[in-house]
Amino acid sequence: MKINEQFKQMSLTWFRAAASAAVALYIAGETDPKVLGTAALAGFLGPVLKWLDPSAVEFGKKKK
């Protein structure tokens, strides 16, 4: 059950980062859907790096 909650939190973090990246470009005047989609995919990088960081207490990989 804990893994499911952890996945939900990771997904929400990704969504916030991806949406922020795309909305920022849209507000700046970029309207090309391909560029906005690429920005959303780039937003995925932040949460992935946090997940890979063993010192991240929320959902980072923990050293065993």
N, C-alpha and C. Protein backbone atom coordinates (compact mmCIF):
# COMPACT_ATOMS: atom_id res chain seq x y z
N MET A 1 0.82 -1.19 0.00
CA MET A 1 0.00 0.00 0.00
C MET A 1 0.86 1.26 0.00
N LYS A 2 1.97 1.23 0.71
CA LYS A 2 2.85 2.39 0.78
C LYS A 2 3.44 2.71 -0.59
N ILE A 3 3.76 1.69 -1.35
CA ILE A 3 4.34 1.90 -2.68
C ILE A 3 3.33 2.61 -3.58
N ASN A 4 2.05 2.26 -3.48
CA ASN A 4 1.02 2.91 -4.28
C ASN A 4 0.93 4.40 -3.94
N GLU A 5 0.97 4.74 -2.66
CA GLU A 5 0.94 6.14 -2.23
C GLU A 5 2.19 6.88 -2.71
N GLN A 6 3.32 6.22 -2.65
CA GLN A 6 4.58 6.82 -3.11
C GLN A 6 4.51 7.10 -4.61
N PHE A 7 3.97 6.16 -5.37
CA PHE A 7 3.83 6.36 -6.82
C PHE A 7 2.88 7.52 -7.11
N LYS A 8 1.80 7.64 -6.35
CA LYS A 8 0.85 8.73 -6.52
C LYS A 8 1.55 10.07 -6.28
N GLN A 9 2.34 10.16 -5.22
CA GLN A 9 3.04 11.40 -4.92
C GLN A 9 4.06 11.74 -6.01
N MET A 10 4.76 10.73 -6.52
CA MET A 10 5.72 10.96 -7.60
C MET A 10 5.01 11.45 -8.86
N SER A 11 3.86 10.87 -9.16
CA SER A 11 3.10 11.27 -10.34
C SER A 11 2.62 12.72 -10.23
N LEU A 12 2.14 13.09 -9.04
CA LEU A 12 1.69 14.46 -8.84
C LEU A 12 2.84 15.45 -8.96
N THR A 13 4.00 15.07 -8.47
CA THR A 13 5.18 15.93 -8.59
C THR A 13 5.55 16.11 -10.05
N TRP A 14 5.53 15.02 -10.82
CA TRP A 14 5.82 15.10 -12.25
C TRP A 14 4.81 15.99 -12.95
N PHE A 15 3.54 15.82 -12.64
CA PHE A 15 2.50 16.61 -13.29
C PHE A 15 2.70 18.10 -13.02
N ARG A 16 2.99 18.46 -11.78
CA ARG A 16 3.20 19.87 -11.45
C ARG A 16 4.40 20.44 -12.21
N ALA A 17 5.47 19.69 -12.27
CA ALA A 17 6.67 20.16 -12.97
C ALA A 17 6.42 20.29 -14.47
N ALA A 18 5.77 19.30 -15.05
CA ALA A 18 5.50 19.31 -16.49
C ALA A 18 4.53 20.43 -16.86
N ALA A 19 3.48 20.59 -16.07
CA ALA A 19 2.50 21.63 -16.34
C ALA A 19 3.14 23.01 -16.19
N SER A 20 3.96 23.19 -15.19
CA SER A 20 4.63 24.48 -14.98
C SER A 20 5.51 24.85 -16.17
N ALA A 21 6.26 23.88 -16.68
CA ALA A 21 7.14 24.13 -17.81
C ALA A 21 6.34 24.52 -19.06
N ALA A 22 5.28 23.79 -19.32
CA ALA A 22 4.47 24.07 -20.51
C ALA A 22 3.72 25.40 -20.38
N VAL A 23 3.16 25.66 -19.21
CA VAL A 23 2.42 26.91 -19.01
C VAL A 23 3.35 28.12 -19.10
N ALA A 24 4.55 28.00 -18.57
CA ALA A 24 5.51 29.10 -18.64
C ALA A 24 5.82 29.46 -20.09
N LEU A 25 6.02 28.46 -20.91
CA LEU A 25 6.28 28.74 -22.33
C LEU A 25 5.06 29.34 -23.02
N TYR A 26 3.88 28.82 -22.68
CA TYR A 26 2.65 29.34 -23.29
C TYR A 26 2.44 30.80 -22.93
N ILE A 27 2.68 31.15 -21.67
CA ILE A 27 2.53 32.54 -21.24
C ILE A 27 3.55 33.43 -21.95
N ALA A 28 4.72 32.88 -22.24
CA ALA A 28 5.75 33.65 -22.93
C ALA A 28 5.45 33.82 -24.42
N GLY A 29 4.39 33.18 -24.90
CA GLY A 29 3.98 33.38 -26.28
C GLY A 29 4.20 32.19 -27.19
N GLU A 30 4.73 31.11 -26.68
CA GLU A 30 4.95 29.91 -27.50
C GLU A 30 3.64 29.14 -27.61
N THR A 31 3.21 28.87 -28.84
CA THR A 31 1.95 28.16 -29.03
C THR A 31 2.10 26.86 -29.82
N ASP A 32 3.31 26.54 -30.25
CA ASP A 32 3.55 25.32 -31.01
C ASP A 32 3.35 24.10 -30.09
N PRO A 33 2.38 23.23 -30.39
CA PRO A 33 2.11 22.08 -29.52
C PRO A 33 3.32 21.16 -29.34
N LYS A 34 4.15 21.04 -30.37
CA LYS A 34 5.33 20.18 -30.26
C LYS A 34 6.30 20.74 -29.22
N VAL A 35 6.51 22.04 -29.24
CA VAL A 35 7.41 22.69 -28.28
C VAL A 35 6.84 22.59 -26.87
N LEU A 36 5.54 22.81 -26.73
CA LEU A 36 4.90 22.71 -25.41
C LEU A 36 4.97 21.28 -24.87
N GLY A 37 4.79 20.31 -25.75
CA GLY A 37 4.91 18.91 -25.34
C GLY A 37 6.32 18.56 -24.92
N THR A 38 7.30 19.09 -25.65
CA THR A 38 8.69 18.86 -25.29
C THR A 38 9.01 19.48 -23.93
N ALA A 39 8.47 20.66 -23.67
CA ALA A 39 8.67 21.30 -22.37
C ALA A 39 8.05 20.46 -21.26
N ALA A 40 6.89 19.90 -21.51
CA ALA A 40 6.24 19.03 -20.52
C ALA A 40 7.09 17.79 -20.24
N LEU A 41 7.66 17.21 -21.29
CA LEU A 41 8.54 16.06 -21.10
C LEU A 41 9.79 16.44 -20.33
N ALA A 42 10.31 17.63 -20.60
CA ALA A 42 11.49 18.10 -19.88
C ALA A 42 11.18 18.31 -18.41
N GLY A 43 9.93 18.65 -18.10
CA GLY A 43 9.51 18.80 -16.71
C GLY A 43 9.61 17.51 -15.94
N PHE A 44 9.66 16.40 -16.63
CA PHE A 44 9.78 15.08 -16.01
C PHE A 44 11.16 14.88 -15.39
N LEU A 45 12.15 15.60 -15.89
CA LEU A 45 13.52 15.41 -15.45
C LEU A 45 13.73 15.73 -13.97
N GLY A 46 13.13 16.80 -13.47
CA GLY A 46 13.30 17.19 -12.07
C GLY A 46 12.88 16.09 -11.09
N PRO A 47 11.66 15.58 -11.20
CA PRO A 47 11.25 14.49 -10.31
C PRO A 47 12.09 13.22 -10.47
N VAL A 48 12.55 12.93 -11.68
CA VAL A 48 13.39 11.75 -11.87
C VAL A 48 14.72 11.92 -11.13
N LEU A 49 15.30 13.11 -11.23
CA LEU A 49 16.55 13.36 -10.52
C LEU A 49 16.35 13.29 -9.01
N LYS A 50 15.20 13.75 -8.54
CA LYS A 50 14.91 13.66 -7.11
C LYS A 50 14.78 12.20 -6.70
N TRP A 51 14.15 11.39 -7.53
CA TRP A 51 13.97 9.97 -7.22
C TRP A 51 15.32 9.26 -7.17
N LEU A 52 16.24 9.65 -8.03
CA LEU A 52 17.56 9.03 -8.06
C LEU A 52 18.47 9.47 -6.91
N ASP A 53 18.13 10.59 -6.27
CA ASP A 53 18.95 11.12 -5.19
C ASP A 53 18.73 10.33 -3.90
N PRO A 54 19.75 9.64 -3.39
CA PRO A 54 19.56 8.83 -2.19
C PRO A 54 19.30 9.66 -0.94
N SER A 55 19.61 10.95 -0.96
CA SER A 55 19.37 11.77 0.22
C SER A 55 17.98 12.41 0.23
N ALA A 56 17.21 12.24 -0.84
CA ALA A 56 15.85 12.78 -0.89
C ALA A 56 14.95 11.95 0.03
N VAL A 57 14.40 12.60 1.04
CA VAL A 57 13.63 11.85 2.03
C VAL A 57 12.22 11.52 1.58
N GLU A 58 11.65 12.28 0.65
CA GLU A 58 10.28 12.00 0.22
C GLU A 58 10.17 10.68 -0.53
N PHE A 59 10.86 10.58 -1.67
CA PHE A 59 10.80 9.34 -2.44
C PHE A 59 12.08 9.08 -3.18
N GLY A 60 13.19 9.49 -2.64
CA GLY A 60 14.48 9.18 -3.24
C GLY A 60 14.84 7.71 -3.03
N LYS A 61 15.71 7.22 -3.85
CA LYS A 61 16.18 5.85 -3.66
C LYS A 61 16.96 5.80 -2.35
N LYS A 62 16.60 4.89 -1.52
CA LYS A 62 17.26 4.79 -0.22
C LYS A 62 18.39 3.78 -0.28
N LYS A 63 19.51 4.11 0.35
CA LYS A 63 20.62 3.17 0.40
C LYS A 63 20.25 2.01 1.30
N LYS A 64 20.57 0.82 0.88
CA LYS A 64 20.24 -0.37 1.69
C LYS A 64 21.46 -0.93 2.33
